[in-house]
N, C-alpha and C. Protein backbone atom coordinates (compact mmCIF):
# COMPACT_ATOMS: atom_id res chain seq x y z
N MET A 1 219.26 155.56 177.31
CA MET A 1 220.03 154.85 178.31
C MET A 1 219.80 153.35 178.20
N LEU A 2 218.55 152.96 177.96
CA LEU A 2 218.26 151.53 177.84
C LEU A 2 218.95 150.93 176.62
N ILE A 3 219.01 151.69 175.55
CA ILE A 3 219.71 151.20 174.36
C ILE A 3 221.19 151.04 174.65
N MET A 4 221.76 151.98 175.38
CA MET A 4 223.17 151.88 175.75
C MET A 4 223.44 150.64 176.59
N LEU A 5 222.58 150.37 177.54
CA LEU A 5 222.76 149.21 178.41
C LEU A 5 222.47 147.90 177.70
N SER A 6 221.70 147.96 176.61
CA SER A 6 221.38 146.73 175.89
C SER A 6 222.61 146.07 175.27
N PHE A 7 223.68 146.83 175.07
CA PHE A 7 224.92 146.27 174.54
C PHE A 7 225.51 145.21 175.47
N LEU A 8 225.17 145.26 176.74
CA LEU A 8 225.67 144.27 177.70
C LEU A 8 225.11 142.87 177.43
N PHE A 9 223.99 142.79 176.74
CA PHE A 9 223.34 141.50 176.51
C PHE A 9 223.71 140.85 175.18
N HIS A 10 224.53 141.53 174.39
CA HIS A 10 224.94 140.98 173.10
C HIS A 10 226.27 140.23 173.24
N LYS A 11 226.39 139.16 172.49
CA LYS A 11 227.62 138.36 172.51
C LYS A 11 228.53 138.69 171.32
N SER A 12 227.95 139.24 170.24
CA SER A 12 228.75 139.61 169.07
C SER A 12 228.18 140.90 168.48
N ILE A 13 228.97 141.53 167.61
CA ILE A 13 228.59 142.81 167.02
C ILE A 13 229.05 142.85 165.57
N VAL A 14 228.31 143.55 164.72
CA VAL A 14 228.67 143.70 163.31
C VAL A 14 229.84 144.66 163.22
N ILE A 15 230.91 144.26 162.51
CA ILE A 15 232.09 145.12 162.42
C ILE A 15 232.37 145.61 161.00
N SER A 16 231.59 145.14 159.99
CA SER A 16 231.80 145.62 158.62
C SER A 16 230.49 145.57 157.85
N GLU A 17 230.54 146.03 156.59
CA GLU A 17 229.35 146.07 155.76
C GLU A 17 228.97 144.70 155.22
N ALA A 18 229.79 143.69 155.38
CA ALA A 18 229.61 142.38 154.73
C ALA A 18 228.35 141.62 155.10
N PRO A 19 227.78 141.47 156.19
CA PRO A 19 228.18 141.80 157.56
C PRO A 19 229.07 140.73 158.17
N THR A 20 230.14 141.17 158.75
CA THR A 20 231.07 140.30 159.46
C THR A 20 230.87 140.55 160.96
N TYR A 21 230.75 139.48 161.70
CA TYR A 21 230.53 139.59 163.15
C TYR A 21 231.82 139.28 163.91
N SER A 22 231.95 139.94 165.04
CA SER A 22 233.09 139.70 165.91
C SER A 22 232.56 139.53 167.33
N LYS A 23 233.18 138.63 168.07
CA LYS A 23 232.77 138.38 169.45
C LYS A 23 233.18 139.55 170.33
N ILE A 24 232.32 139.90 171.27
CA ILE A 24 232.61 140.95 172.23
C ILE A 24 233.36 140.30 173.39
N PHE A 25 234.60 140.71 173.61
CA PHE A 25 235.42 140.11 174.65
C PHE A 25 235.33 140.84 175.98
N GLY A 26 235.02 142.11 175.92
CA GLY A 26 234.93 142.90 177.14
C GLY A 26 234.51 144.32 176.83
N TYR A 27 234.31 145.07 177.87
CA TYR A 27 233.89 146.47 177.73
C TYR A 27 234.97 147.34 178.34
N GLY A 28 235.49 148.23 177.54
CA GLY A 28 236.58 149.09 177.99
C GLY A 28 236.09 150.31 178.76
N LEU A 29 237.03 151.10 179.14
CA LEU A 29 236.74 152.31 179.91
C LEU A 29 235.81 153.25 179.15
N GLY A 30 235.98 153.33 177.84
CA GLY A 30 235.14 154.22 177.03
C GLY A 30 233.66 153.88 177.12
N TYR A 31 233.35 152.59 177.14
CA TYR A 31 231.95 152.17 177.26
C TYR A 31 231.37 152.61 178.60
N TRP A 32 232.11 152.38 179.65
CA TRP A 32 231.61 152.73 180.98
C TRP A 32 231.52 154.23 181.18
N LEU A 33 232.43 154.99 180.57
CA LEU A 33 232.32 156.45 180.62
C LEU A 33 231.09 156.93 179.85
N TRP A 34 230.82 156.30 178.71
CA TRP A 34 229.65 156.62 177.90
C TRP A 34 228.38 156.41 178.73
N ILE A 35 228.31 155.29 179.44
CA ILE A 35 227.15 155.00 180.29
C ILE A 35 227.07 156.00 181.45
N ALA A 36 228.21 156.29 182.09
CA ALA A 36 228.23 157.21 183.23
C ALA A 36 227.79 158.61 182.82
N ILE A 37 228.27 159.09 181.67
CA ILE A 37 227.90 160.43 181.22
C ILE A 37 226.41 160.49 180.91
N ALA A 38 225.87 159.45 180.32
CA ALA A 38 224.42 159.42 180.06
C ALA A 38 223.65 159.46 181.38
N GLY A 39 224.11 158.70 182.37
CA GLY A 39 223.46 158.71 183.68
C GLY A 39 223.53 160.07 184.35
N PHE A 40 224.70 160.69 184.31
CA PHE A 40 224.86 162.03 184.90
C PHE A 40 223.98 163.05 184.18
N SER A 41 223.87 162.90 182.87
CA SER A 41 223.03 163.81 182.10
C SER A 41 221.56 163.68 182.49
N ILE A 42 221.10 162.46 182.67
CA ILE A 42 219.72 162.23 183.09
C ILE A 42 219.49 162.82 184.48
N ILE A 43 220.41 162.59 185.39
CA ILE A 43 220.28 163.11 186.76
C ILE A 43 220.30 164.63 186.76
N ALA A 44 221.20 165.24 185.99
CA ALA A 44 221.28 166.69 185.92
C ALA A 44 219.99 167.30 185.36
N ASN A 45 219.43 166.68 184.34
CA ASN A 45 218.19 167.19 183.77
C ASN A 45 217.02 167.02 184.74
N LEU A 46 216.98 165.91 185.47
CA LEU A 46 215.93 165.73 186.46
C LEU A 46 216.05 166.76 187.58
N CYS A 47 217.27 167.05 188.01
CA CYS A 47 217.48 168.09 189.04
C CYS A 47 217.03 169.44 188.55
N ARG A 48 217.32 169.73 187.29
CA ARG A 48 216.92 171.01 186.70
C ARG A 48 215.40 171.13 186.65
N VAL A 49 214.73 170.07 186.24
CA VAL A 49 213.27 170.08 186.17
C VAL A 49 212.67 170.22 187.56
N MET A 50 213.22 169.49 188.53
CA MET A 50 212.71 169.58 189.89
C MET A 50 212.91 170.99 190.45
N ARG A 51 214.07 171.59 190.19
CA ARG A 51 214.33 172.94 190.68
C ARG A 51 213.36 173.93 190.04
N GLN A 52 213.10 173.77 188.74
CA GLN A 52 212.18 174.67 188.04
C GLN A 52 210.76 174.51 188.58
N LEU A 53 210.35 173.27 188.84
CA LEU A 53 209.01 173.04 189.41
C LEU A 53 208.91 173.66 190.80
N ASN A 54 209.94 173.52 191.60
CA ASN A 54 209.96 174.09 192.94
C ASN A 54 209.90 175.62 192.86
N TYR A 55 210.63 176.20 191.93
CA TYR A 55 210.63 177.66 191.75
C TYR A 55 209.24 178.14 191.33
N ASP A 56 208.63 177.42 190.38
CA ASP A 56 207.30 177.80 189.90
C ASP A 56 206.26 177.71 191.01
N LEU A 57 206.37 176.72 191.89
CA LEU A 57 205.41 176.59 192.99
C LEU A 57 205.59 177.71 194.02
N ASN A 58 206.83 178.15 194.23
CA ASN A 58 207.08 179.21 195.20
C ASN A 58 206.71 180.58 194.67
N VAL A 59 206.77 180.79 193.38
CA VAL A 59 206.45 182.10 192.79
C VAL A 59 204.96 182.31 192.77
N THR A 60 204.21 181.27 192.44
CA THR A 60 202.75 181.45 192.31
C THR A 60 202.02 181.30 193.60
């Protein structure tokens, strides 16, 4: 997630093997969906772990 968010701090990005750089003008919907899905995935996994820990405490 931190690597994904680090793109917000860059002003340019490599666009070819040369390396040729291009200025970042903005972030489209795809970038924000990519970030949102990563966030939802982290939250879902944390909920799953918490539920499993709660189940294990109640069983024993």
